[in-house]
């Protein structure tokens, strides 16, 4: 049912690529990608995010940040966002995508996953754990 999954955050360099690679590890038979609502287009994954993910056994190949668009949304069955305000943003800017947009933290109490950008390694580690917990919860539902 949900074979094509798009993970969305703001810049598409920290949270969404980390969650993308976590889901790819857990669901290798699914088509998983990521994008940003206000993407830092063309940038690679944030170094702190990559280092922490890889230290936790998540391979993070080269990544190129890309912009979330209506056309991109149409290609995916499920769109997972980090924060309630991201879903609200999609509702305003891309209402046609709202019905298939859910929080990554949906199965973990519906909590937001804050942005670690420009924060300490400790914050990145905390956010990684949140991303990992949520990705594992989704992977159990999406098998």
Protein backbone atom coordinates (compact mmCIF):
# COMPACT_ATOMS: atom_id res chain seq x y z
CA UNK A 1 0.00 0.00 0.00
CA UNK A 2 2.71 2.51 0.99
CA UNK A 3 5.60 1.59 -1.27
CA UNK A 4 6.88 5.08 -2.01
CA UNK A 5 7.71 7.15 1.09
CA UNK A 6 8.95 10.74 1.17
CA UNK A 7 10.46 12.16 4.37
CA UNK A 8 10.24 15.95 4.72
CA UNK A 9 11.81 18.55 7.01
CA UNK A 10 12.84 22.16 6.42
CA UNK A 11 16.29 22.20 4.81
CA UNK A 12 16.64 18.53 3.80
CA UNK A 13 20.14 18.28 5.24
CA UNK A 14 19.70 16.95 8.82
CA UNK A 15 16.49 15.23 9.91
CA UNK A 16 14.90 14.10 6.65
CA UNK A 17 18.01 12.52 5.12
CA UNK A 18 18.78 10.79 8.43
CA UNK A 19 15.23 9.41 8.57
CA UNK A 20 15.42 8.49 4.88
CA UNK A 21 18.55 6.41 5.44
CA UNK A 22 17.08 4.83 8.60
CA UNK A 23 13.95 3.80 6.70
CA UNK A 24 15.99 2.53 3.75
CA UNK A 25 17.98 0.35 6.15
CA UNK A 26 14.80 -1.05 7.73
CA UNK A 27 12.68 -1.23 4.57
CA UNK A 28 15.07 -2.02 1.70
CA UNK A 29 12.16 -3.14 -0.51
CA UNK A 30 10.49 0.31 -0.31
CA UNK A 31 11.27 3.42 -2.34
CA UNK A 32 12.27 6.03 0.26
CA UNK A 33 13.49 9.56 -0.46
CA UNK A 34 13.53 12.98 1.23
CA UNK A 35 12.97 16.66 0.51
CA UNK A 36 12.74 20.01 2.29
CA UNK A 37 9.93 22.53 2.54
CA UNK A 38 12.58 25.26 2.21
CA UNK A 39 15.44 23.06 1.03
CA UNK A 40 19.07 24.06 1.02
CA UNK A 41 19.03 22.85 -2.56
CA UNK A 42 22.16 21.15 -3.80
CA UNK A 43 23.73 20.79 -0.34
CA UNK A 44 24.94 17.47 0.98
CA UNK A 45 23.81 16.04 4.30
CA UNK A 46 24.98 17.93 7.38
CA UNK A 47 28.32 16.57 8.63
CA UNK A 48 27.16 16.22 12.25
CA UNK A 49 24.03 14.33 11.20
CA UNK A 50 26.03 11.99 8.95
CA UNK A 51 28.74 11.32 11.54
CA UNK A 52 26.24 10.47 14.28
CA UNK A 53 24.07 8.31 12.01
CA UNK A 54 27.07 6.38 10.70
CA UNK A 55 28.43 5.93 14.24
CA UNK A 56 25.08 4.26 14.97
CA UNK A 57 25.32 1.87 12.02
CA UNK A 58 23.30 3.84 9.47
CA UNK A 59 25.07 4.16 6.11
CA UNK A 60 24.67 7.67 4.72
CA UNK A 61 25.77 7.88 1.10
CA UNK A 62 26.09 11.17 -0.74
CA UNK A 63 22.90 13.22 -0.56
CA UNK A 64 21.65 16.23 -2.50
CA UNK A 65 19.01 18.39 -0.80
CA UNK A 66 15.94 19.04 -2.91
CA UNK A 67 12.83 21.15 -2.70
CA UNK A 68 9.43 19.69 -1.85
CA UNK A 69 7.00 20.44 -4.66
CA UNK A 70 3.48 19.50 -5.66
CA UNK A 71 4.92 17.40 -8.50
CA UNK A 72 7.21 15.56 -6.08
CA UNK A 73 4.35 14.95 -3.63
CA UNK A 74 2.30 13.27 -6.37
CA UNK A 75 5.01 10.62 -6.80
CA UNK A 76 4.73 9.30 -3.20
CA UNK A 77 2.13 7.27 -1.31
CA UNK A 78 3.11 8.56 2.14
CA UNK A 79 4.76 11.80 3.24
CA UNK A 80 6.33 11.85 6.71
CA UNK A 81 7.07 15.22 8.31
CA UNK A 82 9.02 16.12 11.45
CA UNK A 83 6.72 18.68 13.06
CA UNK A 84 3.03 19.54 13.17
CA UNK A 85 3.84 22.92 11.66
CA UNK A 86 5.33 21.14 8.61
CA UNK A 87 2.00 19.40 8.08
CA UNK A 88 0.27 22.76 8.47
CA UNK A 89 2.64 24.26 5.88
CA UNK A 90 1.80 21.45 3.46
CA UNK A 91 -1.92 21.99 4.13
CA UNK A 92 -1.58 25.65 3.11
CA UNK A 93 0.85 25.31 0.21
CA UNK A 94 0.06 21.82 -1.12
CA UNK A 95 -3.47 20.91 0.05
CA UNK A 96 -3.64 18.04 -2.42
CA UNK A 97 -0.87 16.27 -0.44
CA UNK A 98 -2.37 16.69 3.03
CA UNK A 99 -4.35 13.43 3.14
CA UNK A 100 -1.17 11.38 2.78
CA UNK A 101 0.97 13.49 5.13
CA UNK A 102 1.67 12.26 8.66
CA UNK A 103 4.15 12.92 11.44
CA UNK A 104 7.24 10.73 11.57
CA UNK A 105 6.60 10.61 15.32
CA UNK A 106 2.97 9.51 14.83
CA UNK A 107 3.43 6.07 16.45
CA UNK A 108 5.47 7.58 19.29
CA UNK A 109 2.83 9.83 20.79
CA UNK A 110 2.61 12.18 17.81
CA UNK A 111 5.56 14.18 19.05
CA UNK A 112 7.51 16.69 16.99
CA UNK A 113 11.15 16.01 16.20
CA UNK A 114 13.00 19.34 16.66
CA UNK A 115 15.59 20.70 14.26
CA UNK A 116 19.19 20.12 15.44
CA UNK A 117 20.71 22.41 12.80
CA UNK A 118 23.58 24.53 14.19
CA UNK A 119 23.29 22.86 17.59
CA UNK A 120 25.73 20.71 19.61
CA UNK A 121 26.66 17.09 18.97
CA UNK A 122 24.63 16.19 22.06
CA UNK A 123 21.51 17.67 20.49
CA UNK A 124 22.20 15.81 17.23
CA UNK A 125 22.56 12.57 19.22
CA UNK A 126 19.23 13.15 20.97
CA UNK A 127 17.52 13.92 17.68
CA UNK A 128 19.08 10.84 16.07
CA UNK A 129 17.56 8.67 18.82
CA UNK A 130 14.14 10.25 18.22
CA UNK A 131 14.46 9.71 14.46
CA UNK A 132 15.57 6.12 14.98
CA UNK A 133 12.71 5.31 17.36
CA UNK A 134 10.15 6.82 14.98
CA UNK A 135 11.63 5.17 11.88
CA UNK A 136 11.61 1.78 13.61
CA UNK A 137 7.98 2.30 14.63
CA UNK A 138 7.01 3.14 11.04
CA UNK A 139 9.02 0.24 9.64
CA UNK A 140 6.98 -2.20 11.75
CA UNK A 141 3.76 -0.75 10.33
CA UNK A 142 4.98 -0.58 6.72
CA UNK A 143 6.40 -4.10 6.34
